[in-house]
Amino acid sequence: MQSSLELAEKEHRKMFEKITERAEEMKVHSFDSMVDQVLVVSATVYLEIIPVCEITRS
């Protein structure tokens, strides 16, 4: 029979692993979200600035 301390340590390790996994997931999602925002802004700038440059060059 395992002692209460051993059971508590095992549960603590499981919780710590889950927290670590979730933290990694959050980092990935945060990075993906940031990249998505940068792409949207870049596309918007491209679509608005390039035509203006083309008009002024003509």
C-alpha atoms as a PDB file:
ATOM      1  CA  MET A   1       0.000   0.000   0.000  1.00  0.00           C
ATOM      2  CA  GLN A   2       1.354   3.405  -0.961  1.00  0.00           C
ATOM      3  CA  SER A   3       1.669   6.071   1.624  1.00  0.00           C
ATOM      4  CA  SER A   4      -0.314   9.280   1.398  1.00  0.00           C
ATOM      5  CA  LEU A   5       2.888  11.185   0.710  1.00  0.00           C
ATOM      6  CA  GLU A   6       3.720   8.990  -2.292  1.00  0.00           C
ATOM      7  CA  LEU A   7       0.213   9.429  -3.686  1.00  0.00           C
ATOM      8  CA  ALA A   8       0.390  13.181  -3.191  1.00  0.00           C
ATOM      9  CA  GLU A   9       3.768  13.330  -4.952  1.00  0.00           C
ATOM     10  CA  LYS A  10       2.413  11.306  -7.869  1.00  0.00           C
ATOM     11  CA  GLU A  11      -0.610  13.611  -8.200  1.00  0.00           C
ATOM     12  CA  HIS A  12       1.659  16.656  -7.942  1.00  0.00           C
ATOM     13  CA  ARG A  13       3.816  15.342 -10.806  1.00  0.00           C
ATOM     14  CA  LYS A  14       0.724  14.737 -12.969  1.00  0.00           C
ATOM     15  CA  MET A  15      -0.571  18.250 -12.301  1.00  0.00           C
ATOM     16  CA  PHE A  16       2.854  19.774 -13.023  1.00  0.00           C
ATOM     17  CA  GLU A  17       3.068  17.878 -16.345  1.00  0.00           C
ATOM     18  CA  LYS A  18      -0.391  19.109 -17.354  1.00  0.00           C
ATOM     19  CA  ILE A  19       0.485  22.692 -16.447  1.00  0.00           C
ATOM     20  CA  THR A  20       3.703  22.449 -18.474  1.00  0.00           C
ATOM     21  CA  GLU A  21       1.833  21.034 -21.478  1.00  0.00           C
ATOM     22  CA  ARG A  22      -0.806  23.770 -21.296  1.00  0.00           C
ATOM     23  CA  ALA A  23       1.865  26.465 -21.016  1.00  0.00           C
ATOM     24  CA  GLU A  24       3.537  25.148 -24.172  1.00  0.00           C
ATOM     25  CA  GLU A  25       0.173  25.085 -25.984  1.00  0.00           C
ATOM     26  CA  MET A  26      -0.474  28.667 -24.945  1.00  0.00           C
ATOM     27  CA  LYS A  27       2.926  29.758 -26.253  1.00  0.00           C
ATOM     28  CA  VAL A  28       2.220  28.141 -29.622  1.00  0.00           C
ATOM     29  CA  HIS A  29      -1.265  29.661 -29.839  1.00  0.00           C
ATOM     30  CA  SER A  30       0.018  33.077 -28.825  1.00  0.00           C
ATOM     31  CA  PHE A  31       2.738  32.936 -31.471  1.00  0.00           C
ATOM     32  CA  ASP A  32       0.290  31.747 -34.138  1.00  0.00           C
ATOM     33  CA  SER A  33      -2.111  34.513 -33.188  1.00  0.00           C
ATOM     34  CA  MET A  34       0.651  37.112 -33.414  1.00  0.00           C
ATOM     35  CA  VAL A  35       1.757  35.817 -36.817  1.00  0.00           C
ATOM     36  CA  ASP A  36      -1.835  35.927 -38.056  1.00  0.00           C
ATOM     37  CA  GLN A  37      -2.141  39.548 -36.950  1.00  0.00           C
ATOM     38  CA  VAL A  38       1.139  40.485 -38.635  1.00  0.00           C
ATOM     39  CA  LEU A  39       0.009  38.837 -41.858  1.00  0.00           C
ATOM     40  CA  VAL A  40      -3.298  40.699 -41.817  1.00  0.00           C
ATOM     41  CA  VAL A  41      -1.586  44.037 -41.214  1.00  0.00           C
ATOM     42  CA  SER A  42       1.009  43.300 -43.904  1.00  0.00           C
ATOM     43  CA  ALA A  43      -1.669  42.398 -46.425  1.00  0.00           C
ATOM     44  CA  THR A  44      -3.636  45.536 -45.573  1.00  0.00           C
ATOM     45  CA  VAL A  45      -0.576  47.746 -45.957  1.00  0.00           C
ATOM     46  CA  TYR A  46       0.318  46.050 -49.230  1.00  0.00           C
ATOM     47  CA  LEU A  47      -3.174  46.478 -50.630  1.00  0.00           C
ATOM     48  CA  GLU A  48      -3.373  50.133 -49.592  1.00  0.00           C
ATOM     49  CA  ILE A  49       0.186  51.367 -50.146  1.00  0.00           C
ATOM     50  CA  ILE A  50       1.173  49.590 -53.382  1.00  0.00           C
ATOM     51  CA  PRO A  51      -1.728  50.994 -55.436  1.00  0.00           C
ATOM     52  CA  VAL A  52      -0.906  54.511 -54.180  1.00  0.00           C
ATOM     53  CA  CYS A  53       2.728  54.054 -55.249  1.00  0.00           C
ATOM     54  CA  GLU A  54       1.610  52.795 -58.650  1.00  0.00           C
ATOM     55  CA  ILE A  55      -0.694  55.814 -59.128  1.00  0.00           C
ATOM     56  CA  THR A  56       2.023  58.289 -58.176  1.00  0.00           C
ATOM     57  CA  ARG A  57       4.493  56.595 -60.513  1.00  0.00           C
ATOM     58  CA  SER A  58       2.132  56.879 -63.490  1.00  0.00           C
END
